[in-house]
Amino acid sequence: MELLIIMYILLFIVFLLIALAVAQIKLAGMRVKDFWSFIEANQILDKLYIFAKKYEKLDVREQLIFLKEAERVFDAFDKVPSVLWEEDYQKYIKVLNTYKDIKMVRWASN
């Protein structure tokens, strides 16, 4: 019986923490879906940052993939306040500059 009570209390605490997290996201003026896409985009940003360091060596297909993924990251980052991602600002700027460089090279070649 005591084990069942402990399980209910723990389950209540978990739901309370989830509700608190959702409430904080809503208070920040975001939707939960936007916040989740930001978390995923943050992981993609790390991978793109590595590619951005060596983008001259990317072939055309890899450049297209880079451009597509970078656009997804930029879209997700635009939906959340900049306070959340200020620690990743340098990575964001590096990926943005590489994105611009690839776009310019592709535009010039066309």
N, C-alpha and C. Protein backbone atom coordinates (compact mmCIF):
# COMPACT_ATOMS: atom_id res chain seq x y z
N MET A 1 0.82 -1.19 0.00
CA MET A 1 0.00 0.00 0.00
C MET A 1 0.87 1.26 0.00
N GLU A 2 1.94 1.21 0.81
CA GLU A 2 2.82 2.38 0.87
C GLU A 2 3.51 2.60 -0.47
N LEU A 3 3.86 1.52 -1.14
CA LEU A 3 4.51 1.63 -2.45
C LEU A 3 3.58 2.29 -3.47
N LEU A 4 2.31 1.96 -3.40
CA LEU A 4 1.33 2.55 -4.31
C LEU A 4 1.18 4.05 -4.04
N ILE A 5 1.19 4.44 -2.81
CA ILE A 5 1.10 5.86 -2.45
C ILE A 5 2.33 6.62 -2.93
N ILE A 6 3.49 6.02 -2.77
CA ILE A 6 4.73 6.65 -3.23
C ILE A 6 4.71 6.80 -4.75
N MET A 7 4.22 5.79 -5.45
CA MET A 7 4.14 5.87 -6.91
C MET A 7 3.19 6.99 -7.35
N TYR A 8 2.06 7.13 -6.68
CA TYR A 8 1.12 8.21 -7.01
C TYR A 8 1.73 9.58 -6.74
N ILE A 9 2.45 9.71 -5.67
CA ILE A 9 3.09 10.98 -5.35
C ILE A 9 4.14 11.32 -6.40
N LEU A 10 4.97 10.33 -6.78
CA LEU A 10 5.98 10.57 -7.81
C LEU A 10 5.35 10.92 -9.15
N LEU A 11 4.28 10.23 -9.50
CA LEU A 11 3.57 10.51 -10.74
C LEU A 11 2.98 11.93 -10.72
N PHE A 12 2.44 12.33 -9.59
CA PHE A 12 1.91 13.68 -9.44
C PHE A 12 3.02 14.72 -9.59
N ILE A 13 4.18 14.45 -9.01
CA ILE A 13 5.31 15.38 -9.12
C ILE A 13 5.78 15.50 -10.56
N VAL A 14 5.82 14.39 -11.29
CA VAL A 14 6.23 14.42 -12.70
C VAL A 14 5.26 15.28 -13.51
N PHE A 15 3.95 15.05 -13.33
CA PHE A 15 2.97 15.85 -14.06
C PHE A 15 3.04 17.33 -13.66
N LEU A 16 3.31 17.59 -12.41
CA LEU A 16 3.45 18.97 -11.94
C LEU A 16 4.65 19.65 -12.59
N LEU A 17 5.77 18.94 -12.70
CA LEU A 17 6.96 19.49 -13.34
C LEU A 17 6.73 19.75 -14.83
N ILE A 18 6.04 18.84 -15.49
CA ILE A 18 5.72 19.03 -16.91
C ILE A 18 4.82 20.25 -17.09
N ALA A 19 3.80 20.37 -16.24
CA ALA A 19 2.90 21.52 -16.32
C ALA A 19 3.64 22.82 -16.05
N LEU A 20 4.57 22.79 -15.11
CA LEU A 20 5.36 23.98 -14.81
C LEU A 20 6.23 24.37 -15.99
N ALA A 21 6.85 23.40 -16.64
CA ALA A 21 7.69 23.68 -17.81
C ALA A 21 6.86 24.26 -18.95
N VAL A 22 5.68 23.69 -19.19
CA VAL A 22 4.80 24.21 -20.24
C VAL A 22 4.35 25.62 -19.90
N ALA A 23 4.04 25.88 -18.64
CA ALA A 23 3.61 27.22 -18.23
C ALA A 23 4.73 28.23 -18.42
N GLN A 24 5.96 27.86 -18.12
CA GLN A 24 7.08 28.78 -18.32
C GLN A 24 7.32 29.07 -19.79
N ILE A 25 7.16 28.07 -20.64
CA ILE A 25 7.30 28.27 -22.07
C ILE A 25 6.21 29.22 -22.57
N LYS A 26 4.99 29.02 -22.09
CA LYS A 26 3.88 29.90 -22.49
C LYS A 26 4.10 31.32 -21.98
N LEU A 27 4.60 31.46 -20.76
CA LEU A 27 4.86 32.79 -20.21
C LEU A 27 5.95 33.52 -20.98
N ALA A 28 6.85 32.79 -21.58
CA ALA A 28 7.90 33.40 -22.39
C ALA A 28 7.37 33.83 -23.75
N GLY A 29 6.10 33.53 -24.04
CA GLY A 29 5.49 33.95 -25.29
C GLY A 29 5.74 32.99 -26.44
N MET A 30 6.03 31.75 -26.12
CA MET A 30 6.31 30.76 -27.16
C MET A 30 5.27 29.66 -27.12
N ARG A 31 5.22 28.93 -28.22
CA ARG A 31 4.43 27.71 -28.23
C ARG A 31 5.36 26.55 -27.91
N VAL A 32 4.81 25.51 -27.34
CA VAL A 32 5.62 24.33 -26.97
C VAL A 32 6.23 23.72 -28.22
N LYS A 33 5.48 23.71 -29.31
CA LYS A 33 5.99 23.16 -30.57
C LYS A 33 7.20 23.95 -31.06
N ASP A 34 7.15 25.28 -30.94
CA ASP A 34 8.28 26.12 -31.34
C ASP A 34 9.50 25.85 -30.47
N PHE A 35 9.27 25.67 -29.18
CA PHE A 35 10.36 25.39 -28.27
C PHE A 35 10.99 24.05 -28.58
N TRP A 36 10.17 23.06 -28.88
CA TRP A 36 10.70 21.73 -29.21
C TRP A 36 11.50 21.77 -30.52
N SER A 37 11.00 22.52 -31.51
CA SER A 37 11.75 22.64 -32.75
C SER A 37 13.06 23.39 -32.53
N PHE A 38 13.09 24.31 -31.57
CA PHE A 38 14.33 25.00 -31.22
C PHE A 38 15.34 24.02 -30.63
N ILE A 39 14.88 23.11 -29.79
CA ILE A 39 15.78 22.12 -29.19
C ILE A 39 16.38 21.24 -30.28
N GLU A 40 15.55 20.79 -31.22
CA GLU A 40 16.05 19.98 -32.32
C GLU A 40 17.00 20.77 -33.21
N ALA A 41 16.65 22.03 -33.46
CA ALA A 41 17.50 22.88 -34.31
C ALA A 41 18.84 23.16 -33.64
N ASN A 42 18.86 23.21 -32.35
CA ASN A 42 20.11 23.44 -31.62
C ASN A 42 21.07 22.27 -31.84
N GLN A 43 20.53 21.07 -31.89
CA GLN A 43 21.36 19.90 -32.16
C GLN A 43 21.87 19.93 -33.60
N ILE A 44 21.02 20.34 -34.53
CA ILE A 44 21.43 20.43 -35.93
C ILE A 44 22.48 21.52 -36.10
N LEU A 45 22.35 22.62 -35.33
CA LEU A 45 23.30 23.72 -35.42
C LEU A 45 24.72 23.25 -35.11
N ASP A 46 24.85 22.37 -34.12
CA ASP A 46 26.18 21.84 -33.79
C ASP A 46 26.79 21.10 -34.97
N LYS A 47 25.98 20.31 -35.67
CA LYS A 47 26.48 19.57 -36.82
C LYS A 47 26.82 20.51 -37.97
N LEU A 48 25.96 21.50 -38.19
CA LEU A 48 26.21 22.46 -39.27
C LEU A 48 27.45 23.30 -38.99
N TYR A 49 27.70 23.57 -37.73
CA TYR A 49 28.88 24.35 -37.36
C TYR A 49 30.16 23.62 -37.78
N ILE A 50 30.16 22.32 -37.61
CA ILE A 50 31.32 21.52 -38.02
C ILE A 50 31.47 21.59 -39.54
N PHE A 51 30.35 21.47 -40.27
CA PHE A 51 30.41 21.57 -41.73
C PHE A 51 30.80 22.96 -42.18
N ALA A 52 30.39 23.97 -41.44
CA ALA A 52 30.69 25.35 -41.82
C ALA A 52 32.19 25.63 -41.80
N LYS A 53 32.90 24.92 -40.95
CA LYS A 53 34.34 25.12 -40.87
C LYS A 53 35.06 24.61 -42.12
N LYS A 54 34.45 23.66 -42.82
CA LYS A 54 35.12 23.09 -43.99
C LYS A 54 34.21 23.10 -45.22
N TYR A 55 33.43 24.17 -45.38
CA TYR A 55 32.43 24.18 -46.44
C TYR A 55 33.05 24.23 -47.84
N GLU A 56 34.26 24.70 -47.98
CA GLU A 56 34.89 24.75 -49.30
C GLU A 56 35.06 23.35 -49.88
N LYS A 57 35.14 22.37 -49.02
CA LYS A 57 35.37 20.99 -49.46
C LYS A 57 34.06 20.25 -49.74
N LEU A 58 32.91 20.90 -49.54
CA LEU A 58 31.64 20.24 -49.76
C LEU A 58 31.32 20.18 -51.24
N ASP A 59 30.76 19.05 -51.67
CA ASP A 59 30.32 18.98 -53.06
C ASP A 59 28.93 19.62 -53.18
N VAL A 60 28.40 19.65 -54.38
CA VAL A 60 27.13 20.35 -54.64
C VAL A 60 25.99 19.76 -53.82
N ARG A 61 25.92 18.44 -53.75
CA ARG A 61 24.85 17.79 -53.00
C ARG A 61 24.93 18.14 -51.53
N GLU A 62 26.13 18.10 -50.96
CA GLU A 62 26.32 18.43 -49.55
C GLU A 62 25.99 19.90 -49.29
N GLN A 63 26.31 20.77 -50.25
CA GLN A 63 25.97 22.18 -50.08
C GLN A 63 24.46 22.38 -50.06
N LEU A 64 23.75 21.67 -50.92
CA LEU A 64 22.28 21.77 -50.93
C LEU A 64 21.68 21.29 -49.61
N ILE A 65 22.22 20.19 -49.10
CA ILE A 65 21.75 19.69 -47.81
C ILE A 65 22.06 20.70 -46.72
N PHE A 66 23.24 21.28 -46.76
CA PHE A 66 23.62 22.30 -45.78
C PHE A 66 22.65 23.47 -45.83
N LEU A 67 22.34 23.95 -47.03
CA LEU A 67 21.43 25.09 -47.17
C LEU A 67 20.05 24.78 -46.62
N LYS A 68 19.55 23.59 -46.92
CA LYS A 68 18.21 23.19 -46.46
C LYS A 68 18.17 23.09 -44.93
N GLU A 69 19.16 22.44 -44.36
CA GLU A 69 19.20 22.29 -42.90
C GLU A 69 19.42 23.63 -42.22
N ALA A 70 20.24 24.49 -42.81
CA ALA A 70 20.49 25.81 -42.22
C ALA A 70 19.21 26.63 -42.21
N GLU A 71 18.41 26.54 -43.26
CA GLU A 71 17.14 27.27 -43.29
C GLU A 71 16.21 26.78 -42.20
N ARG A 72 16.19 25.48 -41.94
CA ARG A 72 15.37 24.95 -40.85
C ARG A 72 15.84 25.50 -39.50
N VAL A 73 17.16 25.56 -39.32
CA VAL A 73 17.71 26.07 -38.06
C VAL A 73 17.37 27.54 -37.90
N PHE A 74 17.53 28.33 -38.95
CA PHE A 74 17.24 29.75 -38.86
C PHE A 74 15.77 29.99 -38.53
N ASP A 75 14.89 29.20 -39.15
CA ASP A 75 13.46 29.33 -38.89
C ASP A 75 13.13 29.02 -37.44
N ALA A 76 13.72 27.96 -36.90
CA ALA A 76 13.46 27.59 -35.51
C ALA A 76 14.03 28.61 -34.54
N PHE A 77 15.20 29.14 -34.84
CA PHE A 77 15.82 30.11 -33.95
C PHE A 77 15.06 31.44 -33.97
N ASP A 78 14.43 31.76 -35.09
CA ASP A 78 13.67 33.01 -35.17
C ASP A 78 12.41 32.98 -34.31
N LYS A 79 11.92 31.81 -33.98
CA LYS A 79 10.67 31.68 -33.24
C LYS A 79 10.85 31.75 -31.73
N VAL A 80 12.07 31.73 -31.25
CA VAL A 80 12.31 31.79 -29.80
C VAL A 80 13.08 33.05 -29.47
N PRO A 81 12.95 33.53 -28.23
CA PRO A 81 13.70 34.72 -27.83
C PRO A 81 15.21 34.49 -27.91
N SER A 82 15.92 35.53 -28.26
CA SER A 82 17.38 35.40 -28.43
C SER A 82 18.09 35.11 -27.12
N VAL A 83 17.45 35.36 -26.00
CA VAL A 83 18.06 35.08 -24.69
C VAL A 83 18.34 33.59 -24.55
N LEU A 84 17.51 32.75 -25.15
CA LEU A 84 17.68 31.30 -25.04
C LEU A 84 18.90 30.79 -25.79
N TRP A 85 19.30 31.48 -26.84
CA TRP A 85 20.38 30.95 -27.65
C TRP A 85 21.58 31.87 -27.73
N GLU A 86 21.73 32.77 -26.79
CA GLU A 86 22.88 33.67 -26.85
C GLU A 86 24.21 32.97 -26.64
N GLU A 87 24.21 31.81 -25.99
CA GLU A 87 25.47 31.07 -25.83
C GLU A 87 25.89 30.38 -27.13
N ASP A 88 24.94 30.16 -28.03
CA ASP A 88 25.24 29.57 -29.32
C ASP A 88 25.33 30.61 -30.43
N TYR A 89 25.45 31.87 -30.07
CA TYR A 89 25.44 32.96 -31.05
C TYR A 89 26.60 32.84 -32.04
N GLN A 90 27.79 32.51 -31.56
CA GLN A 90 28.95 32.40 -32.46
C GLN A 90 28.75 31.30 -33.48
N LYS A 91 28.21 30.16 -33.04
CA LYS A 91 27.94 29.06 -33.97
C LYS A 91 26.90 29.50 -35.00
N TYR A 92 25.87 30.18 -34.53
CA TYR A 92 24.80 30.65 -35.41
C TYR A 92 25.36 31.59 -36.47
N ILE A 93 26.20 32.53 -36.07
CA ILE A 93 26.79 33.49 -37.00
C ILE A 93 27.70 32.78 -38.00
N LYS A 94 28.49 31.81 -37.55
CA LYS A 94 29.37 31.07 -38.46
C LYS A 94 28.55 30.32 -39.51
N VAL A 95 27.48 29.65 -39.07
CA VAL A 95 26.62 28.93 -40.01
C VAL A 95 25.93 29.91 -40.95
N LEU A 96 25.49 31.04 -40.43
CA LEU A 96 24.84 32.06 -41.26
C LEU A 96 25.80 32.60 -42.33
N ASN A 97 27.03 32.88 -41.94
CA ASN A 97 28.01 33.38 -42.90
C ASN A 97 28.32 32.35 -43.98
N THR A 98 28.45 31.10 -43.57
CA THR A 98 28.69 30.03 -44.54
C THR A 98 27.49 29.88 -45.47
N TYR A 99 26.30 29.98 -44.91
CA TYR A 99 25.07 29.92 -45.71
C TYR A 99 25.09 31.02 -46.77
N LYS A 100 25.43 32.23 -46.36
CA LYS A 100 25.49 33.35 -47.30
C LYS A 100 26.56 33.11 -48.37
N ASP A 101 27.71 32.60 -47.97
CA ASP A 101 28.79 32.34 -48.92
C ASP A 101 28.37 31.31 -49.97
N ILE A 102 27.76 30.23 -49.51
CA ILE A 102 27.31 29.18 -50.44
C ILE A 102 26.24 29.72 -51.37
N LYS A 103 25.32 30.52 -50.84
CA LYS A 103 24.26 31.10 -51.68
C LYS A 103 24.87 32.01 -52.74
N MET A 104 25.86 32.81 -52.36
CA MET A 104 26.50 33.73 -53.31
C MET A 104 27.25 32.95 -54.39
N VAL A 105 27.98 31.91 -54.01
CA VAL A 105 28.71 31.11 -54.99
C VAL A 105 27.74 30.43 -55.95
N ARG A 106 26.65 29.89 -55.41
CA ARG A 106 25.67 29.23 -56.26
C ARG A 106 24.97 30.24 -57.18
N TRP A 107 24.71 31.44 -56.67
CA TRP A 107 24.07 32.47 -57.48
C TRP A 107 25.01 32.94 -58.59
N ALA A 108 26.28 33.11 -58.25
CA ALA A 108 27.24 33.55 -59.25
C ALA A 108 27.47 32.51 -60.33
N SER A 109 27.39 31.24 -59.96
CA SER A 109 27.62 30.18 -60.95
C SER A 109 26.42 30.01 -61.89
N ASN A 110 25.25 30.45 -61.43
CA ASN A 110 24.07 30.35 -62.30
C ASN A 110 24.06 31.55 -63.20
